[in-house]
Protein backbone atom coordinates (compact mmCIF):
# COMPACT_ATOMS: atom_id res chain seq x y z
CA MET A 1 108.18 23.86 -1.84
CA ILE A 2 110.97 25.09 -4.07
CA ARG A 3 112.86 23.60 -7.02
CA ILE A 4 116.53 23.45 -6.04
CA TYR A 5 118.16 21.48 -8.88
CA SER A 6 117.43 20.20 -12.36
CA SER A 7 119.52 18.36 -14.95
CA GLU A 8 119.11 16.15 -17.98
CA ASN A 9 121.37 13.65 -16.18
CA ARG A 10 119.06 11.47 -14.06
CA LEU A 11 122.00 9.93 -12.20
CA GLU A 12 123.27 13.35 -11.14
CA VAL A 13 119.78 14.36 -9.99
CA GLN A 14 119.59 11.20 -7.88
CA GLN A 15 123.04 11.93 -6.42
CA VAL A 16 121.92 15.44 -5.43
CA LYS A 17 118.80 14.02 -3.78
CA ASP A 18 120.89 11.42 -1.93
CA LEU A 19 123.28 14.15 -0.78
CA LEU A 20 120.43 16.24 0.61
CA ASP A 21 118.86 13.17 2.22
CA ALA A 22 122.18 12.45 3.94
CA LYS A 23 122.15 16.03 5.28
CA ARG A 24 118.60 15.41 6.54
CA ILE A 25 117.10 17.96 4.17
CA ASP A 26 113.63 16.81 3.16
CA CYS A 27 113.35 16.71 -0.64
CA PHE A 28 111.89 14.71 -3.52
CA ILE A 29 112.40 14.19 -7.24
CA LYS A 30 109.79 15.52 -9.64
CA ASN A 31 109.57 14.48 -13.33
CA GLU A 32 111.57 11.35 -12.59
CA PHE A 33 109.81 9.43 -15.37
CA ALA A 34 108.74 12.33 -17.60
CA ILE A 35 111.27 11.47 -20.31
CA GLY A 36 108.54 9.38 -21.94
CA ALA A 37 106.50 12.55 -22.46
CA VAL A 38 109.13 14.24 -24.65
CA GLY A 39 107.34 15.18 -27.81
CA GLU A 40 104.28 16.21 -25.85
CA LEU A 41 106.51 18.30 -23.56
CA SER A 42 109.68 20.14 -24.42
CA PRO A 43 112.85 18.24 -23.41
CA PHE A 44 113.62 20.88 -20.77
CA ASP A 45 110.20 20.42 -19.16
CA ALA A 46 110.87 16.68 -18.89
CA TRP A 47 114.18 17.02 -17.01
CA PRO A 48 114.08 15.49 -13.52
CA GLU A 49 114.13 18.05 -10.71
CA VAL A 50 114.97 18.02 -7.00
CA TRP A 51 112.47 19.95 -4.90
CA LEU A 52 112.81 20.97 -1.27
CA VAL A 53 109.82 20.42 0.96
CA ASP A 54 110.80 23.32 3.23
CA SER A 55 112.19 26.45 1.52
CA GLU A 56 114.02 27.43 4.73
CA TRP A 57 116.74 24.94 3.70
CA GLU A 58 117.36 26.65 0.34
CA THR A 59 120.61 28.43 1.28
CA LYS A 60 122.20 25.37 2.90
CA ALA A 61 121.01 23.05 0.14
CA LYS A 62 122.46 25.32 -2.56
CA ALA A 63 125.80 25.37 -0.72
CA PHE A 64 125.88 21.56 -0.46
CA ILE A 65 124.96 21.19 -4.15
CA ALA A 66 127.58 23.74 -5.23
CA GLU A 67 130.28 21.84 -3.32
CA PHE A 68 129.13 18.53 -4.79
CA LEU A 69 129.22 19.94 -8.34
CA LYS A 70 132.62 21.52 -7.74
CA GLU A 71 134.06 18.19 -6.57
CA ALA A 72 132.48 16.34 -9.50
CA GLU A 73 133.94 18.82 -11.98
CA ALA A 74 137.38 18.52 -10.37
CA LYS A 75 137.23 14.74 -10.80
CA ARG A 76 136.20 15.10 -14.46
CA ALA A 77 139.07 17.54 -15.07
CA GLN A 78 141.72 15.12 -13.86
CA ALA A 79 143.79 13.45 -16.53
CA ASP A 80 143.28 9.84 -17.53
CA TRP A 81 145.84 7.47 -16.04
CA VAL A 82 147.68 4.42 -17.32
CA CYS A 83 148.02 1.26 -15.28
CA GLU A 84 151.68 0.56 -14.56
CA ARG A 85 151.13 -3.20 -14.72
CA CYS A 86 149.12 -3.62 -17.94
CA ASN A 87 149.43 -0.21 -19.67
CA GLU A 88 145.64 0.11 -19.93
CA THR A 89 144.36 3.71 -20.11
CA ASN A 90 141.66 4.44 -17.53
CA ASP A 91 139.30 7.35 -17.04
CA SER A 92 140.27 9.74 -14.31
CA THR A 93 137.19 8.92 -12.26
């Protein structure tokens, strides 16, 4: 087993796991509920992590994750937009 991804953002960790599941790469989340142990553990030790069951998938999994993160960053970098009908400002995502 090998840790492939970790983040303080639980939603992002779940998205990475879902991505790998969709690619049929066997993985699981570790520390999913460890946030309650902060104080006893350092915050970094309580971050949720995605672990691969089979380390042979490491190269492909890293490539899939890198592409996912690149696309997510591109979406965040887009400018906010304004609705032409009501003039409401909306987030780029």
